[in-house]
Amino acid sequence: MIKIFIDGRKIEAKENRTVLQAAKKNGIRIPHLCYHPALKPSGSCKLCGVEVVSPGGKPVVMLSCILKVKENLEILTDSELVQAHRKKAFNKLLQMAPDAARIRNLANEWGVAVTPPPDGCIRCRLCIRVCNEIVKSKALKMVTDEKGTRVVPEPGQCIGCGTCANLCPTGLIRIKDQDGVRTVSIKDDIIGQLPLERCEGCGTLYATENFLRHVENSLLSHPDTKEHHHLCPSCIKLLSNRAAAERKRIGK
């Protein structure tokens, strides 16, 4: 039997065993994904890296699924060097499989902070800027927490205009009109859910009450504003064409 030390603990292993095999045999956990006892080790996932202590020499990380035991070998499984190597390995795996729950769960189990999975948002802030600067509803904001930096809704502020969805370059913000209600959402978060109003001309459900009120309030100071009619774009276009035809008929 060969004597080795893992994290200061003396263990014995058979000749030609790997450090990972010796660790598993003695209940010492080392993360791994590509190792299988029935197959030759490949070291592909790189997660099983350990630090080989070399007195007087430079510490080095080696893959425990490949590294063979030898007399008085000293191994560290959770040193700063190993942690840095492990984080790099986890993030590289997640670049190739960003939605792999098993890898993310394993990283979390080992206390490794990894890059959040892609969510379809490029953080351009177009939605936030247009809502703040043009619509002036301030229904969206950017937050940074343990989940990363992302766009989230400000409860109760959305007027259901849909401007953010029209500008979103990735299509992550969506509008859905169903059963007389408009729902504006970003991924799984609801930005606003508001009832739709009917057009006074054709009866079509076309805009939210909050949006129509917002438009009315914005036009109150306009000198040409006399009264407000709730008309959908199609009816407005129809009335505009009729008005233009009438002006042409009377020569104005």
C-alpha atoms as a PDB file:
ATOM      1  CA  MET A   1       0.000   0.000   0.000  1.00  0.00           C
ATOM      2  CA  ILE A   2       1.098   3.550  -0.751  1.00  0.00           C
ATOM      3  CA  LYS A   3       0.806   6.305   1.830  1.00  0.00           C
ATOM      4  CA  ILE A   4      -0.392   9.746   0.680  1.00  0.00           C
ATOM      5  CA  PHE A   5      -1.730  12.862   2.387  1.00  0.00           C
ATOM      6  CA  ILE A   6      -4.924  14.639   1.305  1.00  0.00           C
ATOM      7  CA  ASP A   7      -5.676  17.910   3.103  1.00  0.00           C
ATOM      8  CA  GLY A   8      -3.337  16.767   5.878  1.00  0.00           C
ATOM      9  CA  ARG A   9      -5.089  13.437   6.308  1.00  0.00           C
ATOM     10  CA  LYS A  10      -2.971  10.296   5.886  1.00  0.00           C
ATOM     11  CA  ILE A  11      -4.578   7.618   3.750  1.00  0.00           C
ATOM     12  CA  GLU A  12      -3.380   4.457   2.044  1.00  0.00           C
ATOM     13  CA  ALA A  13      -4.042   3.462  -1.539  1.00  0.00           C
ATOM     14  CA  LYS A  14      -3.170   0.573  -3.799  1.00  0.00           C
ATOM     15  CA  GLU A  15      -0.464   0.985  -6.386  1.00  0.00           C
ATOM     16  CA  ASN A  16      -1.588   2.428  -9.757  1.00  0.00           C
ATOM     17  CA  ARG A  17      -4.644   4.036  -8.181  1.00  0.00           C
ATOM     18  CA  THR A  18      -5.360   7.634  -9.050  1.00  0.00           C
ATOM     19  CA  VAL A  19      -5.698  10.367  -6.437  1.00  0.00           C
ATOM     20  CA  LEU A  20      -9.409  10.667  -7.277  1.00  0.00           C
ATOM     21  CA  GLN A  21      -9.945   6.951  -6.743  1.00  0.00           C
ATOM     22  CA  ALA A  22      -8.063   7.065  -3.441  1.00  0.00           C
ATOM     23  CA  ALA A  23     -10.059  10.110  -2.315  1.00  0.00           C
ATOM     24  CA  LYS A  24     -13.405   8.524  -3.196  1.00  0.00           C
ATOM     25  CA  LYS A  25     -12.386   5.300  -1.433  1.00  0.00           C
ATOM     26  CA  ASN A  26     -11.760   7.285   1.744  1.00  0.00           C
ATOM     27  CA  GLY A  27     -14.826   9.511   1.575  1.00  0.00           C
ATOM     28  CA  ILE A  28     -12.959  12.627   0.448  1.00  0.00           C
ATOM     29  CA  ARG A  29     -15.035  14.569  -2.066  1.00  0.00           C
ATOM     30  CA  ILE A  30     -13.547  16.088  -5.216  1.00  0.00           C
ATOM     31  CA  PRO A  31     -15.887  17.453  -7.912  1.00  0.00           C
ATOM     32  CA  HIS A  32     -15.915  15.690 -11.258  1.00  0.00           C
ATOM     33  CA  LEU A  33     -18.176  15.114 -14.272  1.00  0.00           C
ATOM     34  CA  CYS A  34     -16.273  13.158 -16.908  1.00  0.00           C
ATOM     35  CA  TYR A  35     -14.897  10.421 -14.640  1.00  0.00           C
ATOM     36  CA  HIS A  36     -16.458   6.965 -14.752  1.00  0.00           C
ATOM     37  CA  PRO A  37     -14.957   3.920 -12.992  1.00  0.00           C
ATOM     38  CA  ALA A  38     -15.549   1.668 -16.019  1.00  0.00           C
ATOM     39  CA  LEU A  39     -13.666   3.953 -18.410  1.00  0.00           C
ATOM     40  CA  LYS A  40     -10.146   5.235 -18.838  1.00  0.00           C
ATOM     41  CA  PRO A  41      -9.827   8.767 -17.417  1.00  0.00           C
ATOM     42  CA  SER A  42      -9.661  11.633 -19.910  1.00  0.00           C
ATOM     43  CA  GLY A  43      -9.495  14.754 -17.739  1.00  0.00           C
ATOM     44  CA  SER A  44     -11.918  16.499 -20.072  1.00  0.00           C
ATOM     45  CA  CYS A  45     -14.044  18.436 -17.575  1.00  0.00           C
ATOM     46  CA  LYS A  46     -11.037  19.714 -15.563  1.00  0.00           C
ATOM     47  CA  LEU A  47     -13.175  19.935 -12.406  1.00  0.00           C
ATOM     48  CA  CYS A  48     -11.150  17.413 -10.405  1.00  0.00           C
ATOM     49  CA  GLY A  49      -8.047  19.594 -10.208  1.00  0.00           C
ATOM     50  CA  VAL A  50      -6.049  19.388  -6.954  1.00  0.00           C
ATOM     51  CA  GLU A  51      -2.927  21.135  -5.747  1.00  0.00           C
ATOM     52  CA  VAL A  52       0.213  19.036  -5.511  1.00  0.00           C
ATOM     53  CA  VAL A  53       2.341  20.296  -2.632  1.00  0.00           C
ATOM     54  CA  SER A  54       5.999  20.395  -3.508  1.00  0.00           C
ATOM     55  CA  PRO A  55       8.239  21.546  -0.635  1.00  0.00           C
ATOM     56  CA  GLY A  56      10.525  24.255  -1.956  1.00  0.00           C
ATOM     57  CA  GLY A  57       8.905  24.080  -5.379  1.00  0.00           C
ATOM     58  CA  LYS A  58       6.109  25.921  -7.116  1.00  0.00           C
ATOM     59  CA  PRO A  59       2.605  24.605  -6.302  1.00  0.00           C
ATOM     60  CA  VAL A  60       0.827  23.146  -9.288  1.00  0.00           C
ATOM     61  CA  VAL A  61      -2.711  21.999 -10.060  1.00  0.00           C
ATOM     62  CA  MET A  62      -3.059  18.537 -11.548  1.00  0.00           C
ATOM     63  CA  LEU A  63      -6.128  16.504 -12.473  1.00  0.00           C
ATOM     64  CA  SER A  64      -6.817  13.941  -9.765  1.00  0.00           C
ATOM     65  CA  CYS A  65      -8.538  11.540 -12.168  1.00  0.00           C
ATOM     66  CA  ILE A  66      -5.226  11.112 -14.001  1.00  0.00           C
ATOM     67  CA  LEU A  67      -2.638  11.724 -11.263  1.00  0.00           C
ATOM     68  CA  LYS A  68      -1.338   8.423  -9.862  1.00  0.00           C
ATOM     69  CA  VAL A  69      -0.597   8.002  -6.175  1.00  0.00           C
ATOM     70  CA  LYS A  70       3.004   7.837  -5.026  1.00  0.00           C
ATOM     71  CA  GLU A  71       4.630   7.547  -1.622  1.00  0.00           C
ATOM     72  CA  ASN A  72       4.174  10.622   0.616  1.00  0.00           C
ATOM     73  CA  LEU A  73       2.367  12.594  -2.080  1.00  0.00           C
ATOM     74  CA  GLU A  74       0.741  15.678  -0.529  1.00  0.00           C
ATOM     75  CA  ILE A  75      -2.535  16.940  -1.993  1.00  0.00           C
ATOM     76  CA  LEU A  76      -4.773  19.941  -1.253  1.00  0.00           C
ATOM     77  CA  THR A  77      -8.339  19.770  -2.550  1.00  0.00           C
ATOM     78  CA  ASP A  78      -9.595  23.261  -1.692  1.00  0.00           C
ATOM     79  CA  SER A  79      -6.684  25.697  -1.688  1.00  0.00           C
ATOM     80  CA  GLU A  80      -6.957  29.153  -3.271  1.00  0.00           C
ATOM     81  CA  LEU A  81      -5.128  27.825  -6.311  1.00  0.00           C
ATOM     82  CA  VAL A  82      -7.585  24.941  -6.631  1.00  0.00           C
ATOM     83  CA  GLN A  83     -10.591  27.228  -6.163  1.00  0.00           C
ATOM     84  CA  ALA A  84      -9.395  29.525  -8.964  1.00  0.00           C
ATOM     85  CA  HIS A  85      -8.823  26.541 -11.247  1.00  0.00           C
ATOM     86  CA  ARG A  86     -12.240  25.101 -10.361  1.00  0.00           C
ATOM     87  CA  LYS A  87     -14.068  28.360 -11.087  1.00  0.00           C
ATOM     88  CA  LYS A  88     -12.380  28.642 -14.474  1.00  0.00           C
ATOM     89  CA  ALA A  89     -13.311  25.032 -15.276  1.00  0.00           C
ATOM     90  CA  PHE A  90     -16.954  25.506 -14.271  1.00  0.00           C
ATOM     91  CA  ASN A  91     -17.316  28.667 -16.348  1.00  0.00           C
ATOM     92  CA  LYS A  92     -15.727  27.024 -19.378  1.00  0.00           C
ATOM     93  CA  LEU A  93     -18.200  24.138 -19.154  1.00  0.00           C
ATOM     94  CA  LEU A  94     -21.113  26.570 -18.835  1.00  0.00           C
ATOM     95  CA  GLN A  95     -19.991  28.453 -21.934  1.00  0.00           C
ATOM     96  CA  MET A  96     -20.650  25.250 -23.850  1.00  0.00           C
ATOM     97  CA  ALA A  97     -23.758  24.188 -21.896  1.00  0.00           C
ATOM     98  CA  PRO A  98     -25.211  27.350 -20.309  1.00  0.00           C
ATOM     99  CA  ASP A  99     -28.526  25.758 -19.354  1.00  0.00           C
ATOM    100  CA  ALA A 100     -27.087  22.590 -17.820  1.00  0.00           C
ATOM    101  CA  ALA A 101     -28.715  22.419 -14.392  1.00  0.00           C
ATOM    102  CA  ARG A 102     -26.424  19.617 -13.217  1.00  0.00           C
ATOM    103  CA  ILE A 103     -23.309  21.741 -13.782  1.00  0.00           C
ATOM    104  CA  ARG A 104     -24.859  24.806 -12.133  1.00  0.00           C
ATOM    105  CA  ASN A 105     -26.022  22.767  -9.154  1.00  0.00           C
ATOM    106  CA  LEU A 106     -22.580  21.238  -8.776  1.00  0.00           C
ATOM    107  CA  ALA A 107     -20.948  24.685  -8.923  1.00  0.00           C
ATOM    108  CA  ASN A 108     -23.358  25.935  -6.277  1.00  0.00           C
ATOM    109  CA  GLU A 109     -22.642  22.877  -4.127  1.00  0.00           C
ATOM    110  CA  TRP A 110     -18.948  23.716  -4.219  1.00  0.00           C
ATOM    111  CA  GLY A 111     -19.512  27.412  -3.548  1.00  0.00           C
ATOM    112  CA  VAL A 112     -18.336  28.496  -6.985  1.00  0.00           C
ATOM    113  CA  ALA A 113     -19.897  31.706  -8.301  1.00  0.00           C
ATOM    114  CA  VAL A 114     -20.416  31.189 -12.021  1.00  0.00           C
ATOM    115  CA  THR A 115     -21.661  33.369 -14.847  1.00  0.00           C
ATOM    116  CA  PRO A 116     -25.482  33.559 -14.858  1.00  0.00           C
ATOM    117  CA  PRO A 117     -27.198  31.679 -17.705  1.00  0.00           C
ATOM    118  CA  PRO A 118     -28.039  33.810 -20.769  1.00  0.00           C
ATOM    119  CA  ASP A 119     -31.538  35.252 -20.498  1.00  0.00           C
ATOM    120  CA  GLY A 120     -31.956  36.913 -23.900  1.00  0.00           C
ATOM    121  CA  CYS A 121     -31.301  40.428 -22.571  1.00  0.00           C
ATOM    122  CA  ILE A 122     -28.233  42.334 -23.831  1.00  0.00           C
ATOM    123  CA  ARG A 123     -28.515  45.067 -21.154  1.00  0.00           C
ATOM    124  CA  CYS A 124     -28.796  47.854 -23.727  1.00  0.00           C
ATOM    125  CA  ARG A 125     -31.244  49.683 -21.421  1.00  0.00           C
ATOM    126  CA  LEU A 126     -33.371  50.845 -24.373  1.00  0.00           C
ATOM    127  CA  CYS A 127     -36.532  49.759 -22.563  1.00  0.00           C
ATOM    128  CA  ILE A 128     -35.591  51.602 -19.385  1.00  0.00           C
ATOM    129  CA  ARG A 129     -34.525  54.739 -21.221  1.00  0.00           C
ATOM    130  CA  VAL A 130     -37.625  55.048 -23.390  1.00  0.00           C
ATOM    131  CA  CYS A 131     -39.915  54.368 -20.428  1.00  0.00           C
ATOM    132  CA  ASN A 132     -38.132  57.017 -18.347  1.00  0.00           C
ATOM    133  CA  GLU A 133     -37.363  59.664 -20.974  1.00  0.00           C
ATOM    134  CA  ILE A 134     -40.304  59.465 -23.402  1.00  0.00           C
ATOM    135  CA  VAL A 135     -43.185  57.596 -21.788  1.00  0.00           C
ATOM    136  CA  LYS A 136     -42.158  58.857 -18.328  1.00  0.00           C
ATOM    137  CA  SER A 137     -43.756  55.903 -16.535  1.00  0.00           C
ATOM    138  CA  LYS A 138     -40.522  54.573 -14.987  1.00  0.00           C
ATOM    139  CA  ALA A 139     -41.901  51.037 -15.119  1.00  0.00           C
ATOM    140  CA  LEU A 140     -38.502  49.353 -15.549  1.00  0.00           C
ATOM    141  CA  LYS A 141     -35.199  49.514 -13.738  1.00  0.00           C
ATOM    142  CA  MET A 142     -31.823  47.802 -13.634  1.00  0.00           C
ATOM    143  CA  VAL A 143     -30.863  45.946 -10.464  1.00  0.00           C
ATOM    144  CA  THR A 144     -27.777  44.060  -9.357  1.00  0.00           C
ATOM    145  CA  ASP A 145     -28.044  41.270  -6.807  1.00  0.00           C
ATOM    146  CA  GLU A 146     -26.977  37.663  -6.283  1.00  0.00           C
ATOM    147  CA  LYS A 147     -28.612  36.788  -9.616  1.00  0.00           C
ATOM    148  CA  GLY A 148     -26.491  39.333 -11.501  1.00  0.00           C
ATOM    149  CA  THR A 149     -27.428  42.581 -13.259  1.00  0.00           C
ATOM    150  CA  ARG A 150     -30.807  42.506 -14.962  1.00  0.00           C
ATOM    151  CA  VAL A 151     -33.913  44.488 -15.939  1.00  0.00           C
ATOM    152  CA  VAL A 152     -36.864  44.169 -13.573  1.00  0.00           C
ATOM    153  CA  PRO A 153     -40.317  45.797 -13.466  1.00  0.00           C
ATOM    154  CA  GLU A 154     -41.296  48.553 -11.042  1.00  0.00           C
ATOM    155  CA  PRO A 155     -44.673  47.347  -9.691  1.00  0.00           C
ATOM    156  CA  GLY A 156     -47.718  49.431 -10.567  1.00  0.00           C
ATOM    157  CA  GLN A 157     -45.965  51.800 -12.991  1.00  0.00           C
ATOM    158  CA  CYS A 158     -46.642  50.220 -16.406  1.00  0.00           C
ATOM    159  CA  ILE A 159     -49.354  51.862 -18.541  1.00  0.00           C
ATOM    160  CA  GLY A 160     -49.366  49.090 -21.143  1.00  0.00           C
ATOM    161  CA  CYS A 161     -48.250  51.234 -24.074  1.00  0.00           C
ATOM    162  CA  GLY A 162     -45.912  48.547 -25.438  1.00  0.00           C
ATOM    163  CA  THR A 163     -43.135  50.960 -26.395  1.00  0.00           C
ATOM    164  CA  CYS A 164     -40.522  48.888 -24.566  1.00  0.00           C
ATOM    165  CA  ALA A 165     -41.541  45.741 -26.466  1.00  0.00           C
ATOM    166  CA  ASN A 166     -41.412  47.561 -29.799  1.00  0.00           C
ATOM    167  CA  LEU A 167     -37.862  48.761 -29.102  1.00  0.00           C
ATOM    168  CA  CYS A 168     -36.414  45.616 -27.502  1.00  0.00           C
ATOM    169  CA  PRO A 169     -33.757  44.372 -29.985  1.00  0.00           C
ATOM    170  CA  THR A 170     -33.923  40.737 -28.813  1.00  0.00           C
ATOM    171  CA  GLY A 171     -37.680  40.339 -28.456  1.00  0.00           C
ATOM    172  CA  LEU A 172     -37.409  39.428 -24.776  1.00  0.00           C
ATOM    173  CA  ILE A 173     -40.168  41.887 -23.828  1.00  0.00           C
ATOM    174  CA  ARG A 174     -43.525  40.647 -25.081  1.00  0.00           C
ATOM    175  CA  ILE A 175     -47.093  41.928 -25.298  1.00  0.00           C
ATOM    176  CA  LYS A 176     -50.053  39.570 -25.141  1.00  0.00           C
ATOM    177  CA  ASP A 177     -53.674  40.720 -25.500  1.00  0.00           C
ATOM    178  CA  GLN A 178     -56.093  38.060 -24.277  1.00  0.00           C
ATOM    179  CA  ASP A 179     -59.611  38.113 -22.818  1.00  0.00           C
ATOM    180  CA  GLY A 180     -59.668  41.903 -22.718  1.00  0.00           C
ATOM    181  CA  VAL A 181     -56.408  42.184 -20.815  1.00  0.00           C
ATOM    182  CA  ARG A 182     -52.958  43.308 -22.012  1.00  0.00           C
ATOM    183  CA  THR A 183     -49.984  41.630 -20.379  1.00  0.00           C
ATOM    184  CA  VAL A 184     -46.509  43.102 -20.848  1.00  0.00           C
ATOM    185  CA  SER A 185     -43.736  40.812 -19.641  1.00  0.00           C
ATOM    186  CA  ILE A 186     -39.973  40.430 -19.671  1.00  0.00           C
ATOM    187  CA  LYS A 187     -38.993  36.781 -19.544  1.00  0.00           C
ATOM    188  CA  ASP A 188     -40.987  35.409 -16.570  1.00  0.00           C
ATOM    189  CA  ASP A 189     -41.656  38.765 -14.893  1.00  0.00           C
ATOM    190  CA  ILE A 190     -44.883  40.664 -15.546  1.00  0.00           C
ATOM    191  CA  ILE A 191     -44.237  44.363 -16.144  1.00  0.00           C
ATOM    192  CA  GLY A 192     -47.913  45.251 -16.357  1.00  0.00           C
ATOM    193  CA  GLN A 193     -51.306  43.578 -16.664  1.00  0.00           C
ATOM    194  CA  LEU A 194     -54.071  46.004 -17.569  1.00  0.00           C
ATOM    195  CA  PRO A 195     -57.625  45.882 -19.011  1.00  0.00           C
ATOM    196  CA  LEU A 196     -58.107  47.017 -22.615  1.00  0.00           C
ATOM    197  CA  GLU A 197     -60.539  49.718 -23.743  1.00  0.00           C
ATOM    198  CA  ARG A 198     -62.741  49.528 -26.844  1.00  0.00           C
ATOM    199  CA  CYS A 199     -62.494  51.878 -29.806  1.00  0.00           C
ATOM    200  CA  GLU A 200     -65.472  54.259 -29.908  1.00  0.00           C
ATOM    201  CA  GLY A 201     -65.569  53.837 -33.678  1.00  0.00           C
ATOM    202  CA  CYS A 202     -65.344  50.109 -34.404  1.00  0.00           C
ATOM    203  CA  GLY A 203     -65.510  48.545 -30.960  1.00  0.00           C
ATOM    204  CA  THR A 204     -62.108  46.849 -31.175  1.00  0.00           C
ATOM    205  CA  LEU A 205     -60.135  46.344 -27.961  1.00  0.00           C
ATOM    206  CA  TYR A 206     -57.000  48.329 -28.689  1.00  0.00           C
ATOM    207  CA  ALA A 207     -55.405  50.204 -25.756  1.00  0.00           C
ATOM    208  CA  THR A 208     -55.316  50.269 -21.970  1.00  0.00           C
ATOM    209  CA  GLU A 209     -57.181  52.862 -19.954  1.00  0.00           C
ATOM    210  CA  ASN A 210     -53.922  53.918 -18.301  1.00  0.00           C
ATOM    211  CA  PHE A 211     -52.315  54.559 -21.677  1.00  0.00           C
ATOM    212  CA  LEU A 212     -55.292  56.565 -22.975  1.00  0.00           C
ATOM    213  CA  ARG A 213     -55.345  58.643 -19.800  1.00  0.00           C
ATOM    214  CA  HIS A 214     -51.608  59.221 -20.164  1.00  0.00           C
ATOM    215  CA  VAL A 215     -52.093  60.466 -23.745  1.00  0.00           C
ATOM    216  CA  GLU A 216     -54.946  62.745 -22.712  1.00  0.00           C
ATOM    217  CA  ASN A 217     -52.911  64.277 -19.891  1.00  0.00           C
ATOM    218  CA  SER A 218     -49.997  64.818 -22.267  1.00  0.00           C
ATOM    219  CA  LEU A 219     -52.220  66.675 -24.759  1.00  0.00           C
ATOM    220  CA  LEU A 220     -54.121  68.875 -22.308  1.00  0.00           C
ATOM    221  CA  SER A 221     -51.825  71.849 -22.875  1.00  0.00           C
ATOM    222  CA  HIS A 222     -51.906  71.576 -26.683  1.00  0.00           C
ATOM    223  CA  PRO A 223     -53.782  74.587 -28.203  1.00  0.00           C
ATOM    224  CA  ASP A 224     -55.552  72.442 -30.821  1.00  0.00           C
ATOM    225  CA  THR A 225     -56.918  69.967 -28.279  1.00  0.00           C
ATOM    226  CA  LYS A 226     -60.686  70.309 -27.928  1.00  0.00           C
ATOM    227  CA  GLU A 227     -61.945  66.887 -26.966  1.00  0.00           C
ATOM    228  CA  HIS A 228     -60.735  63.342 -26.736  1.00  0.00           C
ATOM    229  CA  HIS A 229     -62.193  60.431 -28.630  1.00  0.00           C
ATOM    230  CA  HIS A 230     -60.945  56.920 -27.937  1.00  0.00           C
ATOM    231  CA  LEU A 231     -60.264  55.688 -31.437  1.00  0.00           C
ATOM    232  CA  CYS A 232     -58.013  52.890 -32.622  1.00  0.00           C
ATOM    233  CA  PRO A 233     -55.303  53.612 -35.219  1.00  0.00           C
ATOM    234  CA  SER A 234     -57.440  52.196 -38.049  1.00  0.00           C
ATOM    235  CA  CYS A 235     -60.360  54.501 -37.247  1.00  0.00           C
ATOM    236  CA  ILE A 236     -58.067  57.494 -36.815  1.00  0.00           C
ATOM    237  CA  LYS A 237     -56.566  56.811 -40.234  1.00  0.00           C
ATOM    238  CA  LEU A 238     -60.034  56.455 -41.740  1.00  0.00           C
ATOM    239  CA  LEU A 239     -61.199  59.756 -40.240  1.00  0.00           C
ATOM    240  CA  SER A 240     -57.989  61.488 -41.349  1.00  0.00           C
ATOM    241  CA  ASN A 241     -58.501  60.277 -44.924  1.00  0.00           C
ATOM    242  CA  ARG A 242     -62.104  61.486 -44.873  1.00  0.00           C
ATOM    243  CA  ALA A 243     -61.045  64.871 -43.511  1.00  0.00           C
ATOM    244  CA  ALA A 244     -58.354  65.186 -46.174  1.00  0.00           C
ATOM    245  CA  ALA A 245     -60.863  64.300 -48.895  1.00  0.00           C
ATOM    246  CA  GLU A 246     -63.326  66.868 -47.543  1.00  0.00           C
ATOM    247  CA  ARG A 247     -60.675  69.599 -47.499  1.00  0.00           C
ATOM    248  CA  LYS A 248     -59.750  68.748 -51.056  1.00  0.00           C
ATOM    249  CA  ARG A 249     -63.400  68.837 -52.104  1.00  0.00           C
ATOM    250  CA  ILE A 250     -63.966  72.318 -50.739  1.00  0.00           C
ATOM    251  CA  GLY A 251     -60.626  73.548 -51.955  1.00  0.00           C
ATOM    252  CA  LYS A 252     -58.866  74.123 -48.641  1.00  0.00           C
END
